[in-house]
Amino acid sequence: MGDSSPWSALPHRWIHVQLPGYRQLPQHNTYESSQVADLPLIPIGLDDHCEWLRTHGLVHAQGGLNQYERDIQPSFVEELVLRAHIQLPKSFRRFMTHPELQSRVRSCTDCYLDPGERIVETIGSIPGHLVHFLSDSQSCSHWYLHILPRGDSACSYHQTCTVSKSKTHIGLRIPLAILNVWLANCYFVTHRACNIVPD
């Protein structure tokens, strides 16, 4: 995302669970955020069909994102975009409509997929549409896909820090966002089970 992007006015950060031994925060912090530019390079190819997730991710009988918190199925997003007359990125659509792919991504903080009940149109300096897709179990963080009128898209998240303070950041493009959620939770679970500290 260059300086000419409509998102240039927003902080370019990505929120994720703590990474013990890699990036350590005070114990009471559930999430931390990193500058997008500081995230490591990804050594695998990321395709629109999410085959990378089938190749590298394991199906989890419990704790996967295919276990929904609300009655609204993630695939409901297809009906919402039809109403809004917009198109989803192929990899995002595939992930939201395939429970088998969702089962390969865990959440250490009990996040759940949720397309919401409507798509919100944004106006002003950053026109487009916001598609909600992921919520924290305590509703302190929400993840969205922001789609510009010309079709470009990137994930954003809104975090409520206190009753009176909140912040919105722009983050990664799909499918990098899916991959980073998957990686961070894999690392957290592995570290917790084996007390691994990276080199």
C-alpha atoms as a PDB file:
ATOM      1  CA  MET A   1       0.000   0.000   0.000  1.00  0.00           C
ATOM      2  CA  GLY A   2       1.736   3.146  -1.200  1.00  0.00           C
ATOM      3  CA  ASP A   3       1.374   6.717  -0.010  1.00  0.00           C
ATOM      4  CA  SER A   4      -1.181   7.362  -2.778  1.00  0.00           C
ATOM      5  CA  SER A   5      -3.545   4.743  -1.352  1.00  0.00           C
ATOM      6  CA  PRO A   6      -6.820   5.985   0.180  1.00  0.00           C
ATOM      7  CA  TRP A   7      -5.720   4.059   3.294  1.00  0.00           C
ATOM      8  CA  SER A   8      -2.488   6.070   3.678  1.00  0.00           C
ATOM      9  CA  ALA A   9      -3.980   8.191   6.485  1.00  0.00           C
ATOM     10  CA  LEU A  10      -4.566   5.120   8.660  1.00  0.00           C
ATOM     11  CA  PRO A  11      -1.838   3.408  10.723  1.00  0.00           C
ATOM     12  CA  HIS A  12      -0.588   0.334   8.860  1.00  0.00           C
ATOM     13  CA  ARG A  13      -0.497  -2.273  11.618  1.00  0.00           C
ATOM     14  CA  TRP A  14      -1.643  -5.843  12.153  1.00  0.00           C
ATOM     15  CA  ILE A  15      -3.120  -7.090  15.416  1.00  0.00           C
ATOM     16  CA  HIS A  16      -2.399 -10.628  16.609  1.00  0.00           C
ATOM     17  CA  VAL A  17      -2.227 -12.747  19.748  1.00  0.00           C
ATOM     18  CA  GLN A  18       0.874 -12.494  21.882  1.00  0.00           C
ATOM     19  CA  LEU A  19       3.959 -14.296  20.600  1.00  0.00           C
ATOM     20  CA  PRO A  20       5.731 -15.428  23.803  1.00  0.00           C
ATOM     21  CA  GLY A  21       9.492 -15.540  23.465  1.00  0.00           C
ATOM     22  CA  TYR A  22       9.318 -13.590  20.226  1.00  0.00           C
ATOM     23  CA  ARG A  23       7.453 -10.409  21.115  1.00  0.00           C
ATOM     24  CA  GLN A  24       6.591 -10.272  24.804  1.00  0.00           C
ATOM     25  CA  LEU A  25       4.022  -7.874  26.234  1.00  0.00           C
ATOM     26  CA  PRO A  26       2.687  -7.330  29.764  1.00  0.00           C
ATOM     27  CA  GLN A  27       0.637 -10.285  30.929  1.00  0.00           C
ATOM     28  CA  HIS A  28      -2.718  -8.464  30.860  1.00  0.00           C
ATOM     29  CA  ASN A  29      -2.531  -7.701  27.130  1.00  0.00           C
ATOM     30  CA  THR A  30      -4.471 -10.181  25.028  1.00  0.00           C
ATOM     31  CA  TYR A  31      -3.338  -8.755  21.690  1.00  0.00           C
ATOM     32  CA  GLU A  32      -0.398  -6.862  20.343  1.00  0.00           C
ATOM     33  CA  SER A  33       0.116  -5.138  17.032  1.00  0.00           C
ATOM     34  CA  SER A  34       3.048  -4.969  14.646  1.00  0.00           C
ATOM     35  CA  GLN A  35       3.920  -2.575  11.865  1.00  0.00           C
ATOM     36  CA  VAL A  36       2.940  -4.258   8.612  1.00  0.00           C
ATOM     37  CA  ALA A  37       6.399  -3.444   7.238  1.00  0.00           C
ATOM     38  CA  ASP A  38       8.003  -5.391  10.141  1.00  0.00           C
ATOM     39  CA  LEU A  39       6.182  -8.658   9.474  1.00  0.00           C
ATOM     40  CA  PRO A  40       8.482 -11.414   8.158  1.00  0.00           C
ATOM     41  CA  LEU A  41       8.469 -12.447   4.519  1.00  0.00           C
ATOM     42  CA  ILE A  42       6.334 -15.476   3.706  1.00  0.00           C
ATOM     43  CA  PRO A  43       8.323 -18.292   2.026  1.00  0.00           C
ATOM     44  CA  ILE A  44       5.287 -20.080   0.547  1.00  0.00           C
ATOM     45  CA  GLY A  45       3.032 -19.236  -2.355  1.00  0.00           C
ATOM     46  CA  LEU A  46      -0.443 -17.960  -1.505  1.00  0.00           C
ATOM     47  CA  ASP A  47      -3.123 -18.822  -4.045  1.00  0.00           C
ATOM     48  CA  ASP A  48      -6.689 -17.609  -4.498  1.00  0.00           C
ATOM     49  CA  HIS A  49      -8.097 -21.074  -3.725  1.00  0.00           C
ATOM     50  CA  CYS A  50      -6.357 -21.346  -0.325  1.00  0.00           C
ATOM     51  CA  GLU A  51      -4.621 -24.555  -1.348  1.00  0.00           C
ATOM     52  CA  TRP A  52      -1.646 -23.360   0.729  1.00  0.00           C
ATOM     53  CA  LEU A  53      -3.859 -23.791   3.808  1.00  0.00           C
ATOM     54  CA  ARG A  54      -4.833 -27.313   2.796  1.00  0.00           C
ATOM     55  CA  THR A  55      -1.164 -28.150   2.258  1.00  0.00           C
ATOM     56  CA  HIS A  56       0.228 -26.673   5.473  1.00  0.00           C
ATOM     57  CA  GLY A  57      -2.709 -26.540   7.883  1.00  0.00           C
ATOM     58  CA  LEU A  58      -4.204 -29.416   9.868  1.00  0.00           C
ATOM     59  CA  VAL A  59      -7.922 -30.004  10.384  1.00  0.00           C
ATOM     60  CA  HIS A  60      -8.836 -29.455  14.040  1.00  0.00           C
ATOM     61  CA  ALA A  61     -11.804 -31.308  15.497  1.00  0.00           C
ATOM     62  CA  GLN A  62     -12.151 -28.576  18.126  1.00  0.00           C
ATOM     63  CA  GLY A  63     -11.133 -24.951  18.342  1.00  0.00           C
ATOM     64  CA  GLY A  64     -11.243 -24.181  14.627  1.00  0.00           C
ATOM     65  CA  LEU A  65     -12.947 -21.190  13.049  1.00  0.00           C
ATOM     66  CA  ASN A  66     -15.588 -23.538  11.628  1.00  0.00           C
ATOM     67  CA  GLN A  67     -17.288 -23.470  15.056  1.00  0.00           C
ATOM     68  CA  TYR A  68     -19.544 -20.456  14.943  1.00  0.00           C
ATOM     69  CA  GLU A  69     -20.676 -18.301  17.839  1.00  0.00           C
ATOM     70  CA  ARG A  70     -23.836 -16.954  16.218  1.00  0.00           C
ATOM     71  CA  ASP A  71     -26.604 -18.411  14.075  1.00  0.00           C
ATOM     72  CA  ILE A  72     -25.375 -16.523  10.995  1.00  0.00           C
ATOM     73  CA  GLN A  73     -23.128 -18.704   8.855  1.00  0.00           C
ATOM     74  CA  PRO A  74     -19.968 -17.114   7.378  1.00  0.00           C
ATOM     75  CA  SER A  75     -21.224 -18.040   3.901  1.00  0.00           C
ATOM     76  CA  PHE A  76     -24.039 -15.498   4.419  1.00  0.00           C
ATOM     77  CA  VAL A  77     -21.478 -12.962   3.223  1.00  0.00           C
ATOM     78  CA  GLU A  78     -22.296 -14.036  -0.357  1.00  0.00           C
ATOM     79  CA  GLU A  79     -25.867 -12.819   0.020  1.00  0.00           C
ATOM     80  CA  LEU A  80     -24.687  -9.584   1.602  1.00  0.00           C
ATOM     81  CA  VAL A  81     -22.319  -8.715  -1.251  1.00  0.00           C
ATOM     82  CA  LEU A  82     -25.045  -9.409  -3.795  1.00  0.00           C
ATOM     83  CA  ARG A  83     -27.254  -6.869  -2.055  1.00  0.00           C
ATOM     84  CA  ALA A  84     -24.394  -4.345  -1.956  1.00  0.00           C
ATOM     85  CA  HIS A  85     -23.392  -5.000  -5.600  1.00  0.00           C
ATOM     86  CA  ILE A  86     -19.727  -5.572  -4.788  1.00  0.00           C
ATOM     87  CA  GLN A  87     -17.290  -8.429  -5.372  1.00  0.00           C
ATOM     88  CA  LEU A  88     -15.180 -10.239  -2.811  1.00  0.00           C
ATOM     89  CA  PRO A  89     -11.544 -11.245  -3.328  1.00  0.00           C
ATOM     90  CA  LYS A  90     -11.498 -14.878  -4.464  1.00  0.00           C
ATOM     91  CA  SER A  91      -9.473 -16.181  -1.518  1.00  0.00           C
ATOM     92  CA  PHE A  92     -11.694 -14.381   1.012  1.00  0.00           C
ATOM     93  CA  ARG A  93     -14.856 -15.760  -0.552  1.00  0.00           C
ATOM     94  CA  ARG A  94     -13.421 -19.273  -0.631  1.00  0.00           C
ATOM     95  CA  PHE A  95     -12.363 -19.169   3.014  1.00  0.00           C
ATOM     96  CA  MET A  96     -15.697 -17.794   4.208  1.00  0.00           C
ATOM     97  CA  THR A  97     -17.700 -20.423   2.313  1.00  0.00           C
ATOM     98  CA  HIS A  98     -15.631 -23.553   3.057  1.00  0.00           C
ATOM     99  CA  PRO A  99     -15.857 -24.903   6.642  1.00  0.00           C
ATOM    100  CA  GLU A 100     -13.105 -27.425   5.870  1.00  0.00           C
ATOM    101  CA  LEU A 101     -10.663 -24.555   5.322  1.00  0.00           C
ATOM    102  CA  GLN A 102     -11.948 -22.722   8.403  1.00  0.00           C
ATOM    103  CA  SER A 103     -11.317 -25.829  10.525  1.00  0.00           C
ATOM    104  CA  ARG A 104      -7.589 -25.508   9.801  1.00  0.00           C
ATOM    105  CA  VAL A 105      -7.341 -22.119  11.545  1.00  0.00           C
ATOM    106  CA  ARG A 106      -7.559 -22.003  15.335  1.00  0.00           C
ATOM    107  CA  SER A 107      -8.087 -19.055  17.640  1.00  0.00           C
ATOM    108  CA  CYS A 108      -6.434 -18.947  21.061  1.00  0.00           C
ATOM    109  CA  THR A 109      -8.813 -16.157  22.097  1.00  0.00           C
ATOM    110  CA  ASP A 110     -12.012 -17.838  20.868  1.00  0.00           C
ATOM    111  CA  CYS A 111     -12.460 -15.509  17.913  1.00  0.00           C
ATOM    112  CA  TYR A 112     -15.258 -16.507  15.591  1.00  0.00           C
ATOM    113  CA  LEU A 113     -16.235 -15.852  12.000  1.00  0.00           C
ATOM    114  CA  ASP A 114     -19.176 -13.512  11.676  1.00  0.00           C
ATOM    115  CA  PRO A 115     -20.238 -11.757   8.449  1.00  0.00           C
ATOM    116  CA  GLY A 116     -22.646  -9.517  10.337  1.00  0.00           C
ATOM    117  CA  GLU A 117     -26.103  -8.607   9.107  1.00  0.00           C
ATOM    118  CA  ARG A 118     -25.168  -5.863   6.654  1.00  0.00           C
ATOM    119  CA  ILE A 119     -22.288  -4.366   4.712  1.00  0.00           C
ATOM    120  CA  VAL A 120     -21.479  -0.775   5.637  1.00  0.00           C
ATOM    121  CA  GLU A 121     -20.728   1.770   2.932  1.00  0.00           C
ATOM    122  CA  THR A 122     -17.887   4.160   3.736  1.00  0.00           C
ATOM    123  CA  ILE A 123     -17.806   7.700   2.352  1.00  0.00           C
ATOM    124  CA  GLY A 124     -15.535  10.728   2.468  1.00  0.00           C
ATOM    125  CA  SER A 125     -11.783  10.326   1.957  1.00  0.00           C
ATOM    126  CA  ILE A 126     -11.916   6.499   2.051  1.00  0.00           C
ATOM    127  CA  PRO A 127     -14.997   5.445   0.068  1.00  0.00           C
ATOM    128  CA  GLY A 128     -15.896   1.807  -0.288  1.00  0.00           C
ATOM    129  CA  HIS A 129     -17.540  -0.959   1.717  1.00  0.00           C
ATOM    130  CA  LEU A 130     -16.701  -2.601   5.055  1.00  0.00           C
ATOM    131  CA  VAL A 131     -17.345  -6.343   5.328  1.00  0.00           C
ATOM    132  CA  HIS A 132     -17.201  -7.661   8.891  1.00  0.00           C
ATOM    133  CA  PHE A 133     -15.754 -11.166   9.136  1.00  0.00           C
ATOM    134  CA  LEU A 134     -14.100 -11.897  12.505  1.00  0.00           C
ATOM    135  CA  SER A 135     -14.858 -10.989  16.121  1.00  0.00           C
ATOM    136  CA  ASP A 136     -13.022 -11.465  19.381  1.00  0.00           C
ATOM    137  CA  SER A 137     -15.029 -13.481  21.935  1.00  0.00           C
ATOM    138  CA  GLN A 138     -15.193 -10.452  24.258  1.00  0.00           C
ATOM    139  CA  SER A 139     -16.002  -8.033  21.403  1.00  0.00           C
ATOM    140  CA  CYS A 140     -12.881  -5.973  22.126  1.00  0.00           C
ATOM    141  CA  SER A 141     -11.562  -6.423  18.581  1.00  0.00           C
ATOM    142  CA  HIS A 142     -13.275  -6.759  15.223  1.00  0.00           C
ATOM    143  CA  TRP A 143     -11.764  -7.496  11.830  1.00  0.00           C
ATOM    144  CA  TYR A 144     -13.151  -6.189   8.541  1.00  0.00           C
ATOM    145  CA  LEU A 145     -12.391  -6.327   4.857  1.00  0.00           C
ATOM    146  CA  HIS A 146     -12.502  -2.865   3.296  1.00  0.00           C
ATOM    147  CA  ILE A 147     -13.230  -2.926  -0.427  1.00  0.00           C
ATOM    148  CA  LEU A 148     -12.570   0.188  -2.496  1.00  0.00           C
ATOM    149  CA  PRO A 149     -14.845   1.156  -5.434  1.00  0.00           C
ATOM    150  CA  ARG A 150     -12.247  -0.046  -7.957  1.00  0.00           C
ATOM    151  CA  GLY A 151     -12.007  -3.449  -6.234  1.00  0.00           C
ATOM    152  CA  ASP A 152      -8.799  -3.162  -4.220  1.00  0.00           C
ATOM    153  CA  SER A 153      -9.178  -4.486  -0.705  1.00  0.00           C
ATOM    154  CA  ALA A 154      -7.345  -4.781   2.600  1.00  0.00           C
ATOM    155  CA  CYS A 155      -8.181  -5.946   6.096  1.00  0.00           C
ATOM    156  CA  SER A 156      -8.746  -3.447   8.851  1.00  0.00           C
ATOM    157  CA  TYR A 157      -9.407  -3.943  12.517  1.00  0.00           C
ATOM    158  CA  HIS A 158     -11.169  -1.908  15.137  1.00  0.00           C
ATOM    159  CA  GLN A 159     -10.038  -2.312  18.711  1.00  0.00           C
ATOM    160  CA  THR A 160     -11.871  -0.956  21.739  1.00  0.00           C
ATOM    161  CA  CYS A 161      -9.218  -0.160  24.333  1.00  0.00           C
ATOM    162  CA  THR A 162     -11.480   1.362  26.980  1.00  0.00           C
ATOM    163  CA  VAL A 163     -15.069   2.523  27.218  1.00  0.00           C
ATOM    164  CA  SER A 164     -14.092   5.913  25.801  1.00  0.00           C
ATOM    165  CA  LYS A 165     -11.148   5.031  23.541  1.00  0.00           C
ATOM    166  CA  SER A 166     -10.923   2.963  20.394  1.00  0.00           C
ATOM    167  CA  LYS A 167      -8.673   2.795  17.352  1.00  0.00           C
ATOM    168  CA  THR A 168      -8.847   1.645  13.760  1.00  0.00           C
ATOM    169  CA  HIS A 169      -5.900   0.364  11.747  1.00  0.00           C
ATOM    170  CA  ILE A 170      -5.482  -0.902   8.213  1.00  0.00           C
ATOM    171  CA  GLY A 171      -3.589  -4.152   7.867  1.00  0.00           C
ATOM    172  CA  LEU A 172      -2.958  -6.876   5.348  1.00  0.00           C
ATOM    173  CA  ARG A 173      -4.435  -7.915   2.067  1.00  0.00           C
ATOM    174  CA  ILE A 174      -6.227 -11.222   1.691  1.00  0.00           C
ATOM    175  CA  PRO A 175      -4.844 -13.932   1.786  1.00  0.00           C
ATOM    176  CA  LEU A 176      -1.928 -12.613   3.879  1.00  0.00           C
ATOM    177  CA  ALA A 177      -4.388 -11.787   6.653  1.00  0.00           C
ATOM    178  CA  ILE A 178      -5.667 -15.389   6.792  1.00  0.00           C
ATOM    179  CA  LEU A 179      -2.113 -16.686   6.811  1.00  0.00           C
ATOM    180  CA  ASN A 180      -1.039 -14.387   9.649  1.00  0.00           C
ATOM    181  CA  VAL A 181      -4.020 -15.343  11.823  1.00  0.00           C
ATOM    182  CA  TRP A 182      -3.147 -19.002  11.183  1.00  0.00           C
ATOM    183  CA  LEU A 183       0.584 -18.555  11.880  1.00  0.00           C
ATOM    184  CA  ALA A 184       0.225 -16.513  15.058  1.00  0.00           C
ATOM    185  CA  ASN A 185      -2.211 -18.983  16.617  1.00  0.00           C
ATOM    186  CA  CYS A 186      -0.081 -21.977  15.571  1.00  0.00           C
ATOM    187  CA  TYR A 187       2.925 -20.365  17.220  1.00  0.00           C
ATOM    188  CA  PHE A 188       1.028 -19.516  20.412  1.00  0.00           C
ATOM    189  CA  VAL A 189      -0.363 -23.057  20.796  1.00  0.00           C
ATOM    190  CA  THR A 190       3.012 -24.664  20.062  1.00  0.00           C
ATOM    191  CA  HIS A 191       4.836 -22.397  22.499  1.00  0.00           C
ATOM    192  CA  ARG A 192       2.304 -23.027  25.224  1.00  0.00           C
ATOM    193  CA  ALA A 193       2.498 -26.809  24.723  1.00  0.00           C
ATOM    194  CA  CYS A 194       6.287 -27.096  24.327  1.00  0.00           C
ATOM    195  CA  ASN A 195       7.635 -23.850  25.827  1.00  0.00           C
ATOM    196  CA  ILE A 196       9.500 -23.195  22.577  1.00  0.00           C
ATOM    197  CA  VAL A 197      11.521 -20.026  22.169  1.00  0.00           C
ATOM    198  CA  PRO A 198      12.511 -19.185  18.586  1.00  0.00           C
ATOM    199  CA  ASP A 199      16.146 -18.696  17.587  1.00  0.00           C
END
